[in-house]
Amino acid sequence: MKKYAETLVVLKLANNKIKTLAELDHLKDLKNLKSLDLADNEVTKVEGYEEKVWDMLEGLDILDNHNRDGESKYTEDDDDDYGSDLEGDSNELGEVVPRGPAFIDDEYGDEGFEGGEDDELDDFDDEEKQNFDGKDANKRAKN
């Protein structure tokens, strides 16, 4: 923790097993910490939790997506900090745009994931696909 004490600004510890305020004492060393997310931890149920954390971390601006006045400071960008959103992003029309390889159903009736491993099989009939050996594909790719 000491290694990051000078540079850590945002710390997201939501959905962990933090039970007591004493477990947060080491966060005092994080002098530049501006945003801390402890949502869905048992410690958030401790009486006076918010006030005690605000007092403990004087430089903190955001606690559990709220400022010191209790105003929500949650943004859609906060989702990205936890990793990918499996449902994808929304476009300007509010439609969900999937991430990753796109599922295709082309004009020839072929279905699959664009760019997936089975794309090289599209030139074979069903029987040839069943007997397909990946080593043959590697030989063909080298030629």
N, C-alpha and C. Protein backbone atom coordinates (compact mmCIF):
# COMPACT_ATOMS: atom_id res chain seq x y z
N MET A 1 0.83 -1.19 0.00
CA MET A 1 0.00 0.00 0.00
C MET A 1 0.88 1.25 0.00
N LYS A 2 1.99 1.19 0.71
CA LYS A 2 2.86 2.36 0.80
C LYS A 2 3.39 2.76 -0.57
N LYS A 3 3.57 1.77 -1.44
CA LYS A 3 4.08 2.03 -2.78
C LYS A 3 3.18 3.00 -3.54
N TYR A 4 1.87 2.94 -3.28
CA TYR A 4 0.90 3.75 -4.01
C TYR A 4 0.35 4.91 -3.19
N ALA A 5 0.86 5.10 -2.00
CA ALA A 5 0.32 6.11 -1.09
C ALA A 5 0.35 7.52 -1.68
N GLU A 6 1.32 7.82 -2.49
CA GLU A 6 1.45 9.16 -3.07
C GLU A 6 0.64 9.36 -4.34
N THR A 7 0.29 8.28 -5.02
CA THR A 7 -0.32 8.41 -6.34
C THR A 7 -1.77 7.95 -6.43
N LEU A 8 -2.21 7.15 -5.50
CA LEU A 8 -3.56 6.59 -5.57
C LEU A 8 -4.61 7.68 -5.32
N VAL A 9 -5.51 7.86 -6.28
CA VAL A 9 -6.53 8.90 -6.20
C VAL A 9 -7.93 8.30 -6.07
N VAL A 10 -8.17 7.18 -6.74
CA VAL A 10 -9.48 6.52 -6.73
C VAL A 10 -9.27 5.09 -6.25
N LEU A 11 -10.08 4.68 -5.27
CA LEU A 11 -9.99 3.32 -4.74
C LEU A 11 -11.39 2.74 -4.66
N LYS A 12 -11.62 1.67 -5.39
CA LYS A 12 -12.93 1.03 -5.44
C LYS A 12 -12.85 -0.32 -4.75
N LEU A 13 -13.46 -0.40 -3.58
CA LEU A 13 -13.45 -1.62 -2.79
C LEU A 13 -14.87 -2.15 -2.57
N ALA A 14 -15.78 -1.77 -3.41
CA ALA A 14 -17.17 -2.21 -3.29
C ALA A 14 -17.25 -3.73 -3.38
N ASN A 15 -18.27 -4.27 -2.71
CA ASN A 15 -18.56 -5.71 -2.76
C ASN A 15 -17.41 -6.57 -2.22
N ASN A 16 -16.78 -6.12 -1.16
CA ASN A 16 -15.75 -6.91 -0.50
C ASN A 16 -16.28 -7.34 0.86
N LYS A 17 -15.40 -7.76 1.72
CA LYS A 17 -15.81 -8.26 3.03
C LYS A 17 -15.26 -7.38 4.15
N ILE A 18 -15.30 -6.07 3.94
CA ILE A 18 -14.81 -5.14 4.95
C ILE A 18 -15.91 -4.95 5.98
N LYS A 19 -15.59 -5.27 7.24
CA LYS A 19 -16.61 -5.27 8.28
C LYS A 19 -16.49 -4.13 9.28
N THR A 20 -15.26 -3.69 9.55
CA THR A 20 -15.07 -2.70 10.61
C THR A 20 -14.33 -1.48 10.11
N LEU A 21 -14.51 -0.38 10.83
CA LEU A 21 -13.79 0.85 10.50
C LEU A 21 -12.29 0.68 10.74
N ALA A 22 -11.93 -0.16 11.68
CA ALA A 22 -10.51 -0.41 11.96
C ALA A 22 -9.79 -0.96 10.72
N GLU A 23 -10.51 -1.70 9.89
CA GLU A 23 -9.91 -2.24 8.67
C GLU A 23 -9.59 -1.14 7.65
N LEU A 24 -10.12 0.04 7.87
CA LEU A 24 -9.88 1.16 6.96
C LEU A 24 -8.75 2.08 7.44
N ASP A 25 -8.22 1.84 8.63
CA ASP A 25 -7.19 2.71 9.20
C ASP A 25 -6.00 2.92 8.27
N HIS A 26 -5.57 1.88 7.59
CA HIS A 26 -4.41 1.98 6.71
C HIS A 26 -4.65 2.93 5.53
N LEU A 27 -5.90 3.28 5.27
CA LEU A 27 -6.20 4.20 4.17
C LEU A 27 -5.75 5.63 4.50
N LYS A 28 -5.47 5.91 5.76
CA LYS A 28 -5.00 7.24 6.17
C LYS A 28 -3.69 7.60 5.47
N ASP A 29 -2.93 6.59 5.09
CA ASP A 29 -1.66 6.83 4.41
C ASP A 29 -1.83 7.32 2.98
N LEU A 30 -3.03 7.21 2.45
CA LEU A 30 -3.30 7.60 1.06
C LEU A 30 -3.66 9.08 1.02
N LYS A 31 -2.66 9.91 1.06
CA LYS A 31 -2.86 11.36 1.20
C LYS A 31 -3.55 12.01 -0.01
N ASN A 32 -3.45 11.40 -1.17
CA ASN A 32 -4.06 11.97 -2.38
C ASN A 32 -5.37 11.31 -2.77
N LEU A 33 -5.88 10.44 -1.91
CA LEU A 33 -7.13 9.73 -2.21
C LEU A 33 -8.29 10.73 -2.26
N LYS A 34 -8.99 10.76 -3.39
CA LYS A 34 -10.11 11.68 -3.59
C LYS A 34 -11.46 10.95 -3.66
N SER A 35 -11.44 9.69 -4.08
CA SER A 35 -12.69 8.95 -4.25
C SER A 35 -12.52 7.54 -3.70
N LEU A 36 -13.44 7.17 -2.80
CA LEU A 36 -13.42 5.84 -2.18
C LEU A 36 -14.80 5.22 -2.29
N ASP A 37 -14.85 4.00 -2.80
CA ASP A 37 -16.12 3.29 -2.93
C ASP A 37 -16.09 2.03 -2.07
N LEU A 38 -16.89 2.04 -1.02
CA LEU A 38 -17.00 0.90 -0.11
C LEU A 38 -18.40 0.30 -0.12
N ALA A 39 -19.19 0.66 -1.10
CA ALA A 39 -20.58 0.20 -1.18
C ALA A 39 -20.66 -1.32 -1.08
N ASP A 40 -21.73 -1.80 -0.48
CA ASP A 40 -22.01 -3.22 -0.35
C ASP A 40 -20.99 -3.97 0.49
N ASN A 41 -20.38 -3.26 1.45
CA ASN A 41 -19.55 -3.88 2.48
C ASN A 41 -20.30 -3.72 3.80
N GLU A 42 -20.07 -4.64 4.72
CA GLU A 42 -20.75 -4.57 6.01
C GLU A 42 -20.39 -3.29 6.78
N VAL A 43 -19.20 -2.76 6.56
CA VAL A 43 -18.77 -1.56 7.27
C VAL A 43 -19.72 -0.38 7.02
N THR A 44 -20.39 -0.37 5.91
CA THR A 44 -21.30 0.74 5.60
C THR A 44 -22.52 0.75 6.50
N LYS A 45 -22.74 -0.35 7.23
CA LYS A 45 -23.88 -0.44 8.15
C LYS A 45 -23.52 0.00 9.58
N VAL A 46 -22.24 0.28 9.81
CA VAL A 46 -21.79 0.73 11.13
C VAL A 46 -22.37 2.12 11.39
N GLU A 47 -22.88 2.32 12.60
CA GLU A 47 -23.46 3.61 12.95
C GLU A 47 -22.41 4.72 12.80
N GLY A 48 -22.78 5.77 12.10
CA GLY A 48 -21.90 6.91 11.90
C GLY A 48 -20.79 6.65 10.87
N TYR A 49 -20.96 5.60 10.08
CA TYR A 49 -19.95 5.19 9.10
C TYR A 49 -19.45 6.34 8.23
N GLU A 50 -20.37 7.03 7.55
CA GLU A 50 -19.96 8.09 6.62
C GLU A 50 -19.19 9.19 7.33
N GLU A 51 -19.72 9.67 8.43
CA GLU A 51 -19.06 10.75 9.17
C GLU A 51 -17.66 10.34 9.61
N LYS A 52 -17.53 9.13 10.08
CA LYS A 52 -16.23 8.64 10.55
C LYS A 52 -15.23 8.51 9.42
N VAL A 53 -15.68 8.06 8.27
CA VAL A 53 -14.77 7.93 7.12
C VAL A 53 -14.37 9.32 6.61
N TRP A 54 -15.33 10.25 6.55
CA TRP A 54 -15.01 11.62 6.13
C TRP A 54 -13.96 12.23 7.07
N ASP A 55 -14.11 12.00 8.39
CA ASP A 55 -13.16 12.53 9.37
C ASP A 55 -11.79 11.86 9.24
N MET A 56 -11.79 10.58 8.96
CA MET A 56 -10.55 9.82 8.84
C MET A 56 -9.75 10.24 7.61
N LEU A 57 -10.45 10.53 6.52
CA LEU A 57 -9.81 10.84 5.23
C LEU A 57 -10.18 12.26 4.82
N GLU A 58 -9.50 13.22 5.38
CA GLU A 58 -9.85 14.63 5.20
C GLU A 58 -9.79 15.10 3.75
N GLY A 59 -8.93 14.52 2.94
CA GLY A 59 -8.81 14.95 1.55
C GLY A 59 -9.82 14.30 0.62
N LEU A 60 -10.62 13.41 1.15
CA LEU A 60 -11.59 12.67 0.34
C LEU A 60 -12.70 13.60 -0.16
N ASP A 61 -13.02 13.50 -1.44
CA ASP A 61 -14.10 14.29 -2.04
C ASP A 61 -15.36 13.47 -2.28
N ILE A 62 -15.19 12.18 -2.59
CA ILE A 62 -16.30 11.31 -2.94
C ILE A 62 -16.22 10.03 -2.10
N LEU A 63 -17.34 9.69 -1.45
CA LEU A 63 -17.45 8.45 -0.70
C LEU A 63 -18.70 7.72 -1.19
N ASP A 64 -18.51 6.53 -1.68
CA ASP A 64 -19.62 5.72 -2.19
C ASP A 64 -20.47 6.49 -3.19
N ASN A 65 -19.80 7.17 -4.10
CA ASN A 65 -20.43 7.93 -5.20
C ASN A 65 -21.24 9.13 -4.72
N HIS A 66 -20.93 9.67 -3.55
CA HIS A 66 -21.59 10.87 -3.04
C HIS A 66 -20.54 11.83 -2.48
N ASN A 67 -20.78 13.13 -2.63
CA ASN A 67 -19.87 14.10 -2.04
C ASN A 67 -20.24 14.30 -0.58
N ARG A 68 -19.54 15.21 0.09
CA ARG A 68 -19.77 15.43 1.52
C ARG A 68 -21.16 15.98 1.82
N ASP A 69 -21.79 16.59 0.83
CA ASP A 69 -23.15 17.11 1.01
C ASP A 69 -24.21 16.06 0.71
N GLY A 70 -23.78 14.86 0.35
CA GLY A 70 -24.72 13.78 0.08
C GLY A 70 -25.23 13.75 -1.35
N GLU A 71 -24.70 14.63 -2.20
CA GLU A 71 -25.13 14.68 -3.60
C GLU A 71 -24.48 13.54 -4.38
N SER A 72 -25.26 12.90 -5.22
CA SER A 72 -24.75 11.81 -6.03
C SER A 72 -23.72 12.32 -7.03
N LYS A 73 -22.61 11.61 -7.10
CA LYS A 73 -21.55 11.94 -8.05
C LYS A 73 -21.25 10.76 -8.94
N TYR A 74 -22.24 9.90 -9.10
CA TYR A 74 -22.12 8.72 -9.95
C TYR A 74 -22.21 9.13 -11.41
N THR A 75 -21.35 8.58 -12.23
CA THR A 75 -21.41 8.80 -13.68
C THR A 75 -21.37 7.46 -14.38
N GLU A 76 -21.79 7.43 -15.63
CA GLU A 76 -21.75 6.19 -16.41
C GLU A 76 -20.31 5.69 -16.55
N ASP A 77 -19.35 6.61 -16.51
CA ASP A 77 -17.95 6.22 -16.63
C ASP A 77 -17.50 5.35 -15.46
N ASP A 78 -18.19 5.47 -14.31
CA ASP A 78 -17.82 4.67 -13.15
C ASP A 78 -17.94 3.19 -13.43
N ASP A 79 -18.85 2.77 -14.29
CA ASP A 79 -19.01 1.36 -14.63
C ASP A 79 -17.74 0.79 -15.25
N ASP A 80 -17.09 1.57 -16.09
CA ASP A 80 -15.92 1.09 -16.79
C ASP A 80 -14.75 0.80 -15.87
N ASP A 81 -14.73 1.44 -14.72
CA ASP A 81 -13.63 1.24 -13.80
C ASP A 81 -13.64 -0.16 -13.19
N TYR A 82 -14.74 -0.83 -13.23
CA TYR A 82 -14.84 -2.16 -12.66
C TYR A 82 -14.58 -3.23 -13.70
N GLY A 83 -14.39 -2.86 -14.92
CA GLY A 83 -14.20 -3.85 -15.96
C GLY A 83 -15.25 -3.67 -17.03
N SER A 84 -15.27 -4.61 -17.97
CA SER A 84 -16.17 -4.46 -19.10
C SER A 84 -17.62 -4.67 -18.70
N ASP A 85 -18.47 -3.98 -19.39
CA ASP A 85 -19.91 -4.13 -19.22
C ASP A 85 -20.35 -5.19 -20.22
N LEU A 86 -20.81 -6.32 -19.74
CA LEU A 86 -21.12 -7.44 -20.63
C LEU A 86 -22.21 -7.13 -21.63
N GLU A 87 -23.06 -6.18 -21.31
CA GLU A 87 -24.14 -5.87 -22.23
C GLU A 87 -23.72 -4.87 -23.30
N GLY A 88 -22.58 -4.24 -23.16
CA GLY A 88 -22.08 -3.32 -24.16
C GLY A 88 -22.37 -1.88 -23.81
N ASP A 89 -22.07 -1.00 -24.75
CA ASP A 89 -22.28 0.42 -24.57
C ASP A 89 -23.53 0.85 -25.31
N SER A 90 -24.02 2.01 -24.96
CA SER A 90 -25.18 2.56 -25.67
C SER A 90 -24.69 3.54 -26.72
N ASN A 91 -25.35 3.54 -27.88
CA ASN A 91 -25.01 4.51 -28.91
C ASN A 91 -25.85 5.77 -28.68
N GLU A 92 -25.76 6.72 -29.61
CA GLU A 92 -26.46 8.00 -29.43
C GLU A 92 -27.98 7.86 -29.43
N LEU A 93 -28.50 6.72 -29.91
CA LEU A 93 -29.94 6.47 -29.91
C LEU A 93 -30.39 5.71 -28.67
N GLY A 94 -29.44 5.39 -27.78
CA GLY A 94 -29.77 4.65 -26.58
C GLY A 94 -29.84 3.15 -26.78
N GLU A 95 -29.45 2.69 -27.97
CA GLU A 95 -29.48 1.26 -28.25
C GLU A 95 -28.20 0.63 -27.71
N VAL A 96 -28.31 -0.58 -27.17
CA VAL A 96 -27.14 -1.27 -26.66
C VAL A 96 -26.33 -1.80 -27.83
N VAL A 97 -25.05 -1.49 -27.82
CA VAL A 97 -24.12 -1.94 -28.85
C VAL A 97 -23.21 -2.98 -28.20
N PRO A 98 -23.28 -4.23 -28.65
CA PRO A 98 -22.49 -5.28 -27.99
C PRO A 98 -21.00 -5.06 -28.18
N ARG A 99 -20.24 -5.54 -27.20
CA ARG A 99 -18.78 -5.49 -27.29
C ARG A 99 -18.29 -6.83 -27.79
N GLY A 100 -17.08 -6.85 -28.29
CA GLY A 100 -16.47 -8.10 -28.72
C GLY A 100 -16.89 -8.47 -30.12
N PRO A 101 -16.60 -9.72 -30.51
CA PRO A 101 -16.93 -10.15 -31.86
C PRO A 101 -18.43 -10.08 -32.11
N ALA A 102 -18.79 -9.67 -33.30
CA ALA A 102 -20.21 -9.54 -33.64
C ALA A 102 -20.75 -10.87 -34.15
N PHE A 103 -21.96 -11.21 -33.72
CA PHE A 103 -22.62 -12.41 -34.22
C PHE A 103 -23.20 -12.09 -35.58
N ILE A 104 -22.94 -12.96 -36.54
CA ILE A 104 -23.40 -12.68 -37.90
C ILE A 104 -24.29 -13.81 -38.42
N ASP A 105 -25.17 -13.45 -39.30
CA ASP A 105 -25.99 -14.40 -40.04
C ASP A 105 -25.93 -13.87 -41.47
N ASP A 106 -24.99 -14.38 -42.26
CA ASP A 106 -24.76 -13.80 -43.57
C ASP A 106 -25.75 -14.30 -44.62
N GLU A 107 -25.63 -13.78 -45.83
CA GLU A 107 -26.56 -14.08 -46.91
C GLU A 107 -26.54 -15.54 -47.35
N TYR A 108 -25.50 -16.30 -46.94
CA TYR A 108 -25.40 -17.69 -47.33
C TYR A 108 -25.98 -18.62 -46.27
N GLY A 109 -26.56 -18.04 -45.22
CA GLY A 109 -27.14 -18.86 -44.17
C GLY A 109 -26.13 -19.28 -43.12
N ASP A 110 -24.89 -18.78 -43.24
CA ASP A 110 -23.87 -19.11 -42.25
C ASP A 110 -24.09 -18.26 -41.01
N GLU A 111 -23.99 -18.89 -39.88
CA GLU A 111 -24.09 -18.16 -38.62
C GLU A 111 -22.80 -18.36 -37.85
N GLY A 112 -22.47 -17.41 -37.03
CA GLY A 112 -21.30 -17.55 -36.18
C GLY A 112 -20.79 -16.20 -35.76
N PHE A 113 -19.68 -16.21 -35.08
CA PHE A 113 -19.08 -14.96 -34.63
C PHE A 113 -18.06 -14.51 -35.65
N GLU A 114 -18.22 -13.29 -36.09
CA GLU A 114 -17.30 -12.71 -37.05
C GLU A 114 -15.90 -12.70 -36.45
N GLY A 115 -14.95 -13.21 -37.20
CA GLY A 115 -13.59 -13.24 -36.71
C GLY A 115 -13.31 -14.41 -35.79
N GLY A 116 -14.29 -15.26 -35.60
CA GLY A 116 -14.12 -16.41 -34.71
C GLY A 116 -13.35 -17.53 -35.38
N GLU A 117 -13.03 -18.55 -34.59
CA GLU A 117 -12.25 -19.67 -35.09
C GLU A 117 -12.94 -20.42 -36.21
N ASP A 118 -14.27 -20.40 -36.23
CA ASP A 118 -14.97 -21.20 -37.23
C ASP A 118 -15.06 -20.51 -38.59
N ASP A 119 -14.57 -19.27 -38.71
CA ASP A 119 -14.63 -18.59 -40.01
C ASP A 119 -13.89 -19.36 -41.09
N GLU A 120 -12.78 -20.00 -40.74
CA GLU A 120 -12.02 -20.73 -41.74
C GLU A 120 -12.75 -21.99 -42.20
N LEU A 121 -13.79 -22.38 -41.48
CA LEU A 121 -14.56 -23.55 -41.86
C LEU A 121 -15.70 -23.23 -42.82
N ASP A 122 -15.95 -21.96 -43.05
CA ASP A 122 -17.09 -21.56 -43.87
C ASP A 122 -17.03 -22.12 -45.30
N ASP A 123 -15.84 -22.46 -45.79
CA ASP A 123 -15.70 -22.97 -47.15
C ASP A 123 -15.97 -24.47 -47.23
N PHE A 124 -16.20 -25.14 -46.11
CA PHE A 124 -16.40 -26.58 -46.09
C PHE A 124 -17.87 -26.91 -45.89
N ASP A 125 -18.28 -28.10 -46.38
CA ASP A 125 -19.64 -28.53 -46.09
C ASP A 125 -19.67 -29.16 -44.69
N ASP A 126 -20.85 -29.54 -44.21
CA ASP A 126 -21.00 -30.02 -42.84
C ASP A 126 -20.14 -31.26 -42.55
N GLU A 127 -20.07 -32.19 -43.51
CA GLU A 127 -19.28 -33.40 -43.29
C GLU A 127 -17.80 -33.07 -43.14
N GLU A 128 -17.32 -32.16 -43.99
CA GLU A 128 -15.91 -31.77 -43.90
C GLU A 128 -15.63 -31.06 -42.58
N LYS A 129 -16.60 -30.27 -42.09
CA LYS A 129 -16.41 -29.57 -40.82
C LYS A 129 -16.28 -30.56 -39.67
N GLN A 130 -17.06 -31.65 -39.73
CA GLN A 130 -17.00 -32.65 -38.66
C GLN A 130 -15.64 -33.34 -38.64
N ASN A 131 -15.03 -33.50 -39.80
CA ASN A 131 -13.74 -34.19 -39.89
C ASN A 131 -12.56 -33.21 -39.86
N PHE A 132 -12.84 -31.95 -39.66
CA PHE A 132 -11.81 -30.92 -39.71
C PHE A 132 -10.77 -31.13 -38.62
N ASP A 133 -9.52 -31.02 -38.97
CA ASP A 133 -8.42 -31.11 -38.03
C ASP A 133 -7.70 -29.77 -38.06
N GLY A 134 -7.58 -29.12 -36.94
CA GLY A 134 -6.96 -27.79 -36.86
C GLY A 134 -5.56 -27.76 -37.43
N LYS A 135 -4.84 -28.89 -37.39
CA LYS A 135 -3.48 -28.92 -37.92
C LYS A 135 -3.49 -28.67 -39.41
N ASP A 136 -4.52 -29.17 -40.10
CA ASP A 136 -4.62 -28.94 -41.54
C ASP A 136 -4.76 -27.46 -41.84
N ALA A 137 -5.49 -26.77 -41.00
CA ALA A 137 -5.68 -25.34 -41.20
C ALA A 137 -4.36 -24.61 -41.08
N ASN A 138 -3.55 -25.04 -40.12
CA ASN A 138 -2.26 -24.40 -39.95
C ASN A 138 -1.38 -24.64 -41.17
N LYS A 139 -1.45 -25.87 -41.73
CA LYS A 139 -0.65 -26.18 -42.93
C LYS A 139 -1.12 -25.29 -44.09
N ARG A 140 -2.46 -25.15 -44.24
CA ARG A 140 -2.98 -24.33 -45.34
C ARG A 140 -2.58 -22.88 -45.16
N ALA A 141 -2.58 -22.40 -43.92
CA ALA A 141 -2.25 -21.00 -43.66
C ALA A 141 -0.80 -20.70 -44.01
N LYS A 142 0.07 -21.67 -43.81
CA LYS A 142 1.50 -21.47 -44.10
C LYS A 142 1.77 -21.46 -45.59
N ASN A 143 0.91 -22.13 -46.40
CA ASN A 143 1.12 -22.21 -47.85
C ASN A 143 0.59 -21.05 -48.54
